PDB file of N, CA and C in Angstrom:
ATOM      1  N   MET A   1      -8.576  -2.545  12.627  1.00  0.00           N
ATOM      2  CA  MET A   1      -8.053  -1.306  12.099  1.00  0.00           C
ATOM      3  C   MET A   1      -9.076  -0.215  12.369  1.00  0.00           C
ATOM      4  N   THR A   2      -8.658   0.858  12.965  1.00  0.00           N
ATOM      5  CA  THR A   2      -9.552   1.979  13.198  1.00  0.00           C
ATOM      6  C   THR A   2      -9.221   3.084  12.214  1.00  0.00           C
ATOM      7  N   THR A   3     -10.254   3.630  11.644  1.00  0.00           N
ATOM      8  CA  THR A   3     -10.081   4.695  10.674  1.00  0.00           C
ATOM      9  C   THR A   3     -10.840   5.911  11.161  1.00  0.00           C
ATOM     10  N   LYS A   4     -10.170   7.039  11.195  1.00  0.00           N
ATOM     11  CA  LYS A   4     -10.821   8.283  11.583  1.00  0.00           C
ATOM     12  C   LYS A   4     -11.423   8.904  10.335  1.00  0.00           C
ATOM     13  N   ILE A   5     -12.693   9.138  10.382  1.00  0.00           N
ATOM     14  CA  ILE A   5     -13.371   9.764   9.257  1.00  0.00           C
ATOM     15  C   ILE A   5     -13.247  11.271   9.413  1.00  0.00           C
ATOM     16  N   THR A   6     -12.706  11.905   8.399  1.00  0.00           N
ATOM     17  CA  THR A   6     -12.547  13.350   8.404  1.00  0.00           C
ATOM     18  C   THR A   6     -13.707  13.967   7.647  1.00  0.00           C
ATOM     19  N   LEU A   7     -14.441  14.801   8.315  1.00  0.00           N
ATOM     20  CA  LEU A   7     -15.552  15.483   7.663  1.00  0.00           C
ATOM     21  C   LEU A   7     -15.009  16.511   6.686  1.00  0.00           C
ATOM     22  N   PRO A   8     -15.717  16.764   5.601  1.00  0.00           N
ATOM     23  CA  PRO A   8     -15.226  17.719   4.609  1.00  0.00           C
ATOM     24  C   PRO A   8     -14.929  19.103   5.179  1.00  0.00           C
ATOM     25  N   CYS A   9     -15.652  19.508   6.207  1.00  0.00           N
ATOM     26  CA  CYS A   9     -15.454  20.838   6.763  1.00  0.00           C
ATOM     27  C   CYS A   9     -14.330  20.875   7.807  1.00  0.00           C
ATOM     28  N   GLU A  10     -13.828  19.709   8.181  1.00  0.00           N
ATOM     29  CA  GLU A  10     -12.762  19.630   9.176  1.00  0.00           C
ATOM     30  C   GLU A  10     -11.415  19.597   8.457  1.00  0.00           C
ATOM     31  N   PRO A  11     -10.508  20.523   8.776  1.00  0.00           N
ATOM     32  CA  PRO A  11      -9.217  20.535   8.082  1.00  0.00           C
ATOM     33  C   PRO A  11      -8.402  19.284   8.405  1.00  0.00           C
ATOM     34  N   GLU A  12      -7.759  18.753   7.391  1.00  0.00           N
ATOM     35  CA  GLU A  12      -6.936  17.563   7.555  1.00  0.00           C
ATOM     36  C   GLU A  12      -5.550  17.977   8.054  1.00  0.00           C
ATOM     37  N   THR A  13      -5.014  17.205   8.980  1.00  0.00           N
ATOM     38  CA  THR A  13      -3.673  17.512   9.477  1.00  0.00           C
ATOM     39  C   THR A  13      -2.633  17.122   8.431  1.00  0.00           C
ATOM     40  N   GLN A  14      -1.464  17.680   8.562  1.00  0.00           N
ATOM     41  CA  GLN A  14      -0.363  17.364   7.649  1.00  0.00           C
ATOM     42  C   GLN A  14      -0.019  15.880   7.722  1.00  0.00           C
ATOM     43  N   ALA A  15      -0.020  15.329   8.926  1.00  0.00           N
ATOM     44  CA  ALA A  15       0.307  13.912   9.102  1.00  0.00           C
ATOM     45  C   ALA A  15      -0.736  13.020   8.442  1.00  0.00           C
ATOM     46  N   ALA A  16      -2.008  13.363   8.604  1.00  0.00           N
ATOM     47  CA  ALA A  16      -3.078  12.573   7.997  1.00  0.00           C
ATOM     48  C   ALA A  16      -3.003  12.629   6.477  1.00  0.00           C
ATOM     49  N   ALA A  17      -2.680  13.779   5.946  1.00  0.00           N
ATOM     50  CA  ALA A  17      -2.544  13.917   4.491  1.00  0.00           C
ATOM     51  C   ALA A  17      -1.378  13.070   3.984  1.00  0.00           C
ATOM     52  N   GLY A  18      -0.301  13.031   4.735  1.00  0.00           N
ATOM     53  CA  GLY A  18       0.848  12.212   4.364  1.00  0.00           C
ATOM     54  C   GLY A  18       0.528  10.728   4.386  1.00  0.00           C
ATOM     55  N   GLU A  19      -0.189  10.289   5.423  1.00  0.00           N
ATOM     56  CA  GLU A  19      -0.596   8.885   5.508  1.00  0.00           C
ATOM     57  C   GLU A  19      -1.509   8.519   4.346  1.00  0.00           C
ATOM     58  N   ARG A  20      -2.425   9.409   4.013  1.00  0.00           N
ATOM     59  CA  ARG A  20      -3.351   9.161   2.904  1.00  0.00           C
ATOM     60  C   ARG A  20      -2.581   9.031   1.593  1.00  0.00           C
ATOM     61  N   ALA A  21      -1.610   9.883   1.388  1.00  0.00           N
ATOM     62  CA  ALA A  21      -0.789   9.820   0.172  1.00  0.00           C
ATOM     63  C   ALA A  21       0.032   8.527   0.139  1.00  0.00           C
ATOM     64  N   ASP A  22       0.574   8.126   1.280  1.00  0.00           N
ATOM     65  CA  ASP A  22       1.349   6.883   1.343  1.00  0.00           C
ATOM     66  C   ASP A  22       0.467   5.663   1.086  1.00  0.00           C
ATOM     67  N   ARG A  23      -0.776   5.701   1.581  1.00  0.00           N
ATOM     68  CA  ARG A  23      -1.705   4.601   1.300  1.00  0.00           C
ATOM     69  C   ARG A  23      -2.013   4.521  -0.189  1.00  0.00           C
ATOM     70  N   ALA A  24      -2.167   5.658  -0.838  1.00  0.00           N
ATOM     71  CA  ALA A  24      -2.420   5.669  -2.282  1.00  0.00           C
ATOM     72  C   ALA A  24      -1.255   5.026  -3.030  1.00  0.00           C
ATOM     73  N   VAL A  25      -0.042   5.307  -2.597  1.00  0.00           N
ATOM     74  CA  VAL A  25       1.145   4.698  -3.210  1.00  0.00           C
ATOM     75  C   VAL A  25       1.114   3.184  -3.003  1.00  0.00           C
ATOM     76  N   LEU A  26       0.793   2.743  -1.788  1.00  0.00           N
ATOM     77  CA  LEU A  26       0.732   1.307  -1.511  1.00  0.00           C
ATOM     78  C   LEU A  26      -0.352   0.640  -2.347  1.00  0.00           C
ATOM     79  N   TYR A  27      -1.529   1.244  -2.424  1.00  0.00           N
ATOM     80  CA  TYR A  27      -2.617   0.678  -3.232  1.00  0.00           C
ATOM     81  C   TYR A  27      -2.176   0.560  -4.688  1.00  0.00           C
ATOM     82  N   GLY A  28      -1.484   1.570  -5.185  1.00  0.00           N
ATOM     83  CA  GLY A  28      -0.971   1.526  -6.552  1.00  0.00           C
ATOM     84  C   GLY A  28       0.059   0.432  -6.738  1.00  0.00           C
ATOM     85  N   ALA A  29       0.921   0.244  -5.757  1.00  0.00           N
ATOM     86  CA  ALA A  29       1.944  -0.804  -5.837  1.00  0.00           C
ATOM     87  C   ALA A  29       1.313  -2.190  -5.848  1.00  0.00           C
ATOM     88  N   VAL A  30       0.289  -2.387  -5.036  1.00  0.00           N
ATOM     89  CA  VAL A  30      -0.409  -3.681  -5.025  1.00  0.00           C
ATOM     90  C   VAL A  30      -1.075  -3.918  -6.374  1.00  0.00           C
ATOM     91  N   LEU A  31      -1.723  -2.904  -6.888  1.00  0.00           N
ATOM     92  CA  LEU A  31      -2.378  -3.022  -8.191  1.00  0.00           C
ATOM     93  C   LEU A  31      -1.359  -3.348  -9.283  1.00  0.00           C
ATOM     94  N   ALA A  32      -0.234  -2.659  -9.276  1.00  0.00           N
ATOM     95  CA  ALA A  32       0.804  -2.896 -10.280  1.00  0.00           C
ATOM     96  C   ALA A  32       1.453  -4.271 -10.111  1.00  0.00           C
ATOM     97  N   ALA A  33       1.551  -4.757  -8.886  1.00  0.00           N
ATOM     98  CA  ALA A  33       2.112  -6.088  -8.651  1.00  0.00           C
ATOM     99  C   ALA A  33       1.173  -7.169  -9.179  1.00  0.00           C
ATOM    100  N   GLN A  34      -0.124  -6.925  -9.076  1.00  0.00           N
ATOM    101  CA  GLN A  34      -1.102  -7.904  -9.527  1.00  0.00           C
ATOM    102  C   GLN A  34      -1.395  -7.796 -11.022  1.00  0.00           C
ATOM    103  N   ARG A  35      -1.302  -6.594 -11.564  1.00  0.00           N
ATOM    104  CA  ARG A  35      -1.565  -6.353 -12.993  1.00  0.00           C
ATOM    105  C   ARG A  35      -0.437  -5.493 -13.552  1.00  0.00           C
ATOM    106  N   PRO A  36       0.626  -6.106 -14.028  1.00  0.00           N
ATOM    107  CA  PRO A  36       1.821  -5.358 -14.449  1.00  0.00           C
ATOM    108  C   PRO A  36       1.596  -4.287 -15.518  1.00  0.00           C
ATOM    109  N   ASN A  37       0.593  -4.402 -16.344  1.00  0.00           N
ATOM    110  CA  ASN A  37       0.369  -3.418 -17.409  1.00  0.00           C
ATOM    111  C   ASN A  37      -0.569  -2.288 -17.005  1.00  0.00           C
ATOM    112  N   VAL A  38      -0.909  -2.201 -15.736  1.00  0.00           N
ATOM    113  CA  VAL A  38      -1.840  -1.172 -15.273  1.00  0.00           C
ATOM    114  C   VAL A  38      -1.208   0.215 -15.412  1.00  0.00           C
ATOM    115  N   ARG A  39      -2.044   1.196 -15.692  1.00  0.00           N
ATOM    116  CA  ARG A  39      -1.578   2.585 -15.749  1.00  0.00           C
ATOM    117  C   ARG A  39      -1.976   3.266 -14.448  1.00  0.00           C
ATOM    118  N   LEU A  40      -0.992   3.798 -13.763  1.00  0.00           N
ATOM    119  CA  LEU A  40      -1.229   4.485 -12.495  1.00  0.00           C
ATOM    120  C   LEU A  40      -1.264   5.984 -12.725  1.00  0.00           C
ATOM    121  N   LYS A  41      -1.901   6.679 -11.813  1.00  0.00           N
ATOM    122  CA  LYS A  41      -1.923   8.142 -11.898  1.00  0.00           C
ATOM    123  C   LYS A  41      -0.491   8.665 -11.781  1.00  0.00           C
ATOM    124  N   PRO A  42      -0.162   9.690 -12.546  1.00  0.00           N
ATOM    125  CA  PRO A  42       1.212  10.211 -12.542  1.00  0.00           C
ATOM    126  C   PRO A  42       1.728  10.600 -11.156  1.00  0.00           C
ATOM    127  N   ALA A  43       0.854  11.073 -10.293  1.00  0.00           N
ATOM    128  CA  ALA A  43       1.285  11.523  -8.964  1.00  0.00           C
ATOM    129  C   ALA A  43       1.821  10.384  -8.103  1.00  0.00           C
ATOM    130  N   ILE A  44       1.370   9.152  -8.358  1.00  0.00           N
ATOM    131  CA  ILE A  44       1.820   8.025  -7.533  1.00  0.00           C
ATOM    132  C   ILE A  44       2.634   6.998  -8.305  1.00  0.00           C
ATOM    133  N   ALA A  45       2.737   7.145  -9.615  1.00  0.00           N
ATOM    134  CA  ALA A  45       3.363   6.110 -10.444  1.00  0.00           C
ATOM    135  C   ALA A  45       4.795   5.790 -10.017  1.00  0.00           C
ATOM    136  N   ALA A  46       5.656   6.777  -9.930  1.00  0.00           N
ATOM    137  CA  ALA A  46       7.071   6.514  -9.618  1.00  0.00           C
ATOM    138  C   ALA A  46       7.254   5.869  -8.244  1.00  0.00           C
ATOM    139  N   PRO A  47       6.672   6.427  -7.168  1.00  0.00           N
ATOM    140  CA  PRO A  47       6.876   5.770  -5.871  1.00  0.00           C
ATOM    141  C   PRO A  47       6.199   4.402  -5.787  1.00  0.00           C
ATOM    142  N   ALA A  48       5.051   4.246  -6.439  1.00  0.00           N
ATOM    143  CA  ALA A  48       4.367   2.949  -6.409  1.00  0.00           C
ATOM    144  C   ALA A  48       5.183   1.895  -7.138  1.00  0.00           C
ATOM    145  N   LEU A  49       5.718   2.244  -8.302  1.00  0.00           N
ATOM    146  CA  LEU A  49       6.519   1.280  -9.061  1.00  0.00           C
ATOM    147  C   LEU A  49       7.810   0.927  -8.328  1.00  0.00           C
ATOM    148  N   ALA A  50       8.344   1.855  -7.561  1.00  0.00           N
ATOM    149  CA  ALA A  50       9.534   1.561  -6.758  1.00  0.00           C
ATOM    150  C   ALA A  50       9.217   0.574  -5.635  1.00  0.00           C
ATOM    151  N   LEU A  51       7.981   0.583  -5.174  1.00  0.00           N
ATOM    152  CA  LEU A  51       7.554  -0.294  -4.081  1.00  0.00           C
ATOM    153  C   LEU A  51       7.106  -1.675  -4.572  1.00  0.00           C
ATOM    154  N   VAL A  52       6.866  -1.822  -5.866  1.00  0.00           N
ATOM    155  CA  VAL A  52       6.342  -3.076  -6.423  1.00  0.00           C
ATOM    156  C   VAL A  52       7.189  -4.301  -6.066  1.00  0.00           C
ATOM    157  N   PRO A  53       8.514  -4.289  -6.192  1.00  0.00           N
ATOM    158  CA  PRO A  53       9.274  -5.504  -5.841  1.00  0.00           C
ATOM    159  C   PRO A  53       9.048  -5.955  -4.391  1.00  0.00           C
ATOM    160  N   ALA A  54       8.968  -5.019  -3.481  1.00  0.00           N
ATOM    161  CA  ALA A  54       8.723  -5.366  -2.075  1.00  0.00           C
ATOM    162  C   ALA A  54       7.318  -5.922  -1.896  1.00  0.00           C
ATOM    163  N   VAL A  55       6.346  -5.306  -2.538  1.00  0.00           N
ATOM    164  CA  VAL A  55       4.957  -5.777  -2.440  1.00  0.00           C
ATOM    165  C   VAL A  55       4.834  -7.162  -3.064  1.00  0.00           C
ATOM    166  N   ARG A  56       5.460  -7.366  -4.219  1.00  0.00           N
ATOM    167  CA  ARG A  56       5.430  -8.675  -4.880  1.00  0.00           C
ATOM    168  C   ARG A  56       6.018  -9.749  -3.961  1.00  0.00           C
ATOM    169  N   ALA A  57       7.131  -9.430  -3.321  1.00  0.00           N
ATOM    170  CA  ALA A  57       7.760 -10.380  -2.399  1.00  0.00           C
ATOM    171  C   ALA A  57       6.825 -10.697  -1.237  1.00  0.00           C
ATOM    172  N   PHE A  58       6.173  -9.683  -0.693  1.00  0.00           N
ATOM    173  CA  PHE A  58       5.264  -9.901   0.431  1.00  0.00           C
ATOM    174  C   PHE A  58       4.062 -10.735   0.006  1.00  0.00           C
ATOM    175  N   LEU A  59       3.460 -10.393  -1.128  1.00  0.00           N
ATOM    176  CA  LEU A  59       2.270 -11.112  -1.587  1.00  0.00           C
ATOM    177  C   LEU A  59       2.570 -12.574  -1.901  1.00  0.00           C
ATOM    178  N   SER A  60       3.791 -12.858  -2.324  1.00  0.00           N
ATOM    179  CA  SER A  60       4.151 -14.243  -2.645  1.00  0.00           C
ATOM    180  C   SER A  60       4.467 -15.061  -1.393  1.00  0.00           C
ATOM    181  N   GLY A  61       4.516 -14.401  -0.247  1.00  0.00           N
ATOM    182  CA  GLY A  61       4.731 -15.109   1.012  1.00  0.00           C
ATOM    183  C   GLY A  61       6.169 -15.143   1.477  1.00  0.00           C
ATOM    184  N   ASP A  62       7.038 -14.425   0.794  1.00  0.00           N
ATOM    185  CA  ASP A  62       8.439 -14.381   1.214  1.00  0.00           C
ATOM    186  C   ASP A  62       8.557 -13.746   2.598  1.00  0.00           C
ATOM    187  N   GLU A  63       9.578 -14.140   3.313  1.00  0.00           N
ATOM    188  CA  GLU A  63       9.838 -13.580   4.639  1.00  0.00           C
ATOM    189  C   GLU A  63      11.144 -12.792   4.653  1.00  0.00           C
ATOM    190  N   GLU A  64      11.648 -12.463   3.490  1.00  0.00           N
ATOM    191  CA  GLU A  64      12.922 -11.756   3.380  1.00  0.00           C
ATOM    192  C   GLU A  64      12.771 -10.273   3.710  1.00  0.00           C
ATOM    193  N   ALA A  65      13.884  -9.573   3.693  1.00  0.00           N
ATOM    194  CA  ALA A  65      13.899  -8.149   4.047  1.00  0.00           C
ATOM    195  C   ALA A  65      13.038  -7.313   3.107  1.00  0.00           C
ATOM    196  N   LEU A  66      12.995  -7.688   1.833  1.00  0.00           N
ATOM    197  CA  LEU A  66      12.192  -6.940   0.870  1.00  0.00           C
ATOM    198  C   LEU A  66      10.711  -7.002   1.235  1.00  0.00           C
ATOM    199  N   ALA A  67      10.233  -8.195   1.571  1.00  0.00           N
ATOM    200  CA  ALA A  67       8.838  -8.360   1.979  1.00  0.00           C
ATOM    201  C   ALA A  67       8.571  -7.626   3.292  1.00  0.00           C
ATOM    202  N   ALA A  68       9.533  -7.669   4.193  1.00  0.00           N
ATOM    203  CA  ALA A  68       9.391  -6.971   5.473  1.00  0.00           C
ATOM    204  C   ALA A  68       9.289  -5.467   5.262  1.00  0.00           C
ATOM    205  N   ALA A  69       9.965  -4.960   4.246  1.00  0.00           N
ATOM    206  CA  ALA A  69       9.893  -3.526   3.943  1.00  0.00           C
ATOM    207  C   ALA A  69       8.490  -3.138   3.493  1.00  0.00           C
ATOM    208  N   ALA A  70       7.846  -3.994   2.715  1.00  0.00           N
ATOM    209  CA  ALA A  70       6.472  -3.713   2.276  1.00  0.00           C
ATOM    210  C   ALA A  70       5.528  -3.685   3.470  1.00  0.00           C
ATOM    211  N   LEU A  71       5.688  -4.633   4.372  1.00  0.00           N
ATOM    212  CA  LEU A  71       4.835  -4.670   5.561  1.00  0.00           C
ATOM    213  C   LEU A  71       5.091  -3.460   6.453  1.00  0.00           C
ATOM    214  N   ALA A  72       6.338  -3.072   6.608  1.00  0.00           N
ATOM    215  CA  ALA A  72       6.664  -1.893   7.415  1.00  0.00           C
ATOM    216  C   ALA A  72       6.054  -0.634   6.803  1.00  0.00           C
ATOM    217  N   TYR A  73       6.101  -0.529   5.491  1.00  0.00           N
ATOM    218  CA  TYR A  73       5.500   0.616   4.793  1.00  0.00           C
ATOM    219  C   TYR A  73       3.993   0.641   5.051  1.00  0.00           C
ATOM    220  N   ALA A  74       3.359  -0.525   4.933  1.00  0.00           N
ATOM    221  CA  ALA A  74       1.914  -0.611   5.160  1.00  0.00           C
ATOM    222  C   ALA A  74       1.561  -0.236   6.595  1.00  0.00           C
ATOM    223  N   ARG A  75       2.347  -0.691   7.542  1.00  0.00           N
ATOM    224  CA  ARG A  75       2.096  -0.347   8.950  1.00  0.00           C
ATOM    225  C   ARG A  75       2.217   1.157   9.172  1.00  0.00           C
ATOM    226  N   ALA A  76       3.217   1.750   8.556  1.00  0.00           N
ATOM    227  CA  ALA A  76       3.467   3.182   8.755  1.00  0.00           C
ATOM    228  C   ALA A  76       2.339   4.052   8.221  1.00  0.00           C
ATOM    229  N   CYS A  77       1.640   3.573   7.210  1.00  0.00           N
ATOM    230  CA  CYS A  77       0.565   4.401   6.641  1.00  0.00           C
ATOM    231  C   CYS A  77      -0.819   3.885   7.018  1.00  0.00           C
ATOM    232  N   GLY A  78      -0.891   2.948   7.950  1.00  0.00           N
ATOM    233  CA  GLY A  78      -2.181   2.479   8.441  1.00  0.00           C
ATOM    234  C   GLY A  78      -2.896   1.517   7.514  1.00  0.00           C
ATOM    235  N   ALA A  79      -2.145   0.805   6.668  1.00  0.00           N
ATOM    236  CA  ALA A  79      -2.772  -0.105   5.704  1.00  0.00           C
ATOM    237  C   ALA A  79      -2.296  -1.546   5.872  1.00  0.00           C
ATOM    238  N   GLU A  80      -1.872  -1.896   7.081  1.00  0.00           N
ATOM    239  CA  GLU A  80      -1.388  -3.257   7.323  1.00  0.00           C
ATOM    240  C   GLU A  80      -2.479  -4.288   7.047  1.00  0.00           C
ATOM    241  N   ASP A  81      -3.693  -4.041   7.536  1.00  0.00           N
ATOM    242  CA  ASP A  81      -4.793  -4.982   7.322  1.00  0.00           C
ATOM    243  C   ASP A  81      -5.076  -5.173   5.835  1.00  0.00           C
ATOM    244  N   PHE A  82      -5.013  -4.097   5.075  1.00  0.00           N
ATOM    245  CA  PHE A  82      -5.225  -4.167   3.629  1.00  0.00           C
ATOM    246  C   PHE A  82      -4.194  -5.092   2.983  1.00  0.00           C
ATOM    247  N   LEU A  83      -2.924  -4.897   3.306  1.00  0.00           N
ATOM    248  CA  LEU A  83      -1.866  -5.692   2.694  1.00  0.00           C
ATOM    249  C   LEU A  83      -1.962  -7.157   3.116  1.00  0.00           C
ATOM    250  N   LEU A  84      -2.259  -7.404   4.379  1.00  0.00           N
ATOM    251  CA  LEU A  84      -2.420  -8.784   4.849  1.00  0.00           C
ATOM    252  C   LEU A  84      -3.601  -9.461   4.162  1.00  0.00           C
ATOM    253  N   ALA A  85      -4.685  -8.729   3.955  1.00  0.00           N
ATOM    254  CA  ALA A  85      -5.856  -9.286   3.268  1.00  0.00           C
ATOM    255  C   ALA A  85      -5.535  -9.622   1.816  1.00  0.00           C
ATOM    256  N   LYS A  86      -4.758  -8.783   1.162  1.00  0.00           N
ATOM    257  CA  LYS A  86      -4.366  -9.053  -0.225  1.00  0.00           C
ATOM    258  C   LYS A  86      -3.509 -10.315  -0.304  1.00  0.00           C
ATOM    259  N   ARG A  87      -2.621 -10.484   0.670  1.00  0.00           N
ATOM    260  CA  ARG A  87      -1.780 -11.691   0.683  1.00  0.00           C
ATOM    261  C   ARG A  87      -2.618 -12.931   0.946  1.00  0.00           C
ATOM    262  N   ALA A  88      -3.558 -12.841   1.883  1.00  0.00           N
ATOM    263  CA  ALA A  88      -4.427 -13.981   2.178  1.00  0.00           C
ATOM    264  C   ALA A  88      -5.278 -14.343   0.967  1.00  0.00           C
ATOM    265  N   ALA A  89      -5.787 -13.340   0.273  1.00  0.00           N
ATOM    266  CA  ALA A  89      -6.607 -13.593  -0.917  1.00  0.00           C
ATOM    267  C   ALA A  89      -5.783 -14.247  -2.015  1.00  0.00           C
ATOM    268  N   GLN A  90      -4.547 -13.835  -2.163  1.00  0.00           N
ATOM    269  CA  GLN A  90      -3.690 -14.404  -3.202  1.00  0.00           C
ATOM    270  C   GLN A  90      -3.360 -15.862  -2.892  1.00  0.00           C
ATOM    271  N   HIS A  91      -3.168 -16.179  -1.615  1.00  0.00           N
ATOM    272  CA  HIS A  91      -2.835 -17.554  -1.239  1.00  0.00           C
ATOM    273  C   HIS A  91      -4.064 -18.454  -1.236  1.00  0.00           C
ATOM    274  N   ALA A  92      -5.253 -17.868  -1.197  1.00  0.00           N
ATOM    275  CA  ALA A  92      -6.485 -18.647  -1.232  1.00  0.00           C
ATOM    276  C   ALA A  92      -6.809 -19.123  -2.649  1.00  0.00           C
ATOM    277  N   LYS A  93      -6.183 -18.493  -3.648  1.00  0.00           N
ATOM    278  CA  LYS A  93      -6.464 -18.860  -5.051  1.00  0.00           C
ATOM    279  C   LYS A  93      -5.904 -20.210  -5.394  1.00  0.00           C
TER     280      LYS A  93
END
């Protein structure tokens, strides 16, 4: 996974800001899937909670459409490696 580091003085593109926001939603969904009583920041709570069923399906190893949706979301925001690592860690337990 390659990550472009944006310097504070360099303006962020609209696309990069969108990807960053989508990654925050995914991170929140993973956290909520692993700890159901977690409190998420209001800005990401609703979309993250909507993504939780798909993330839960993916983390449990399902190969159904719901799990595929979580992986597609992760790919779209550049967090595929993160989601795959979370699944591997869960299966290692």
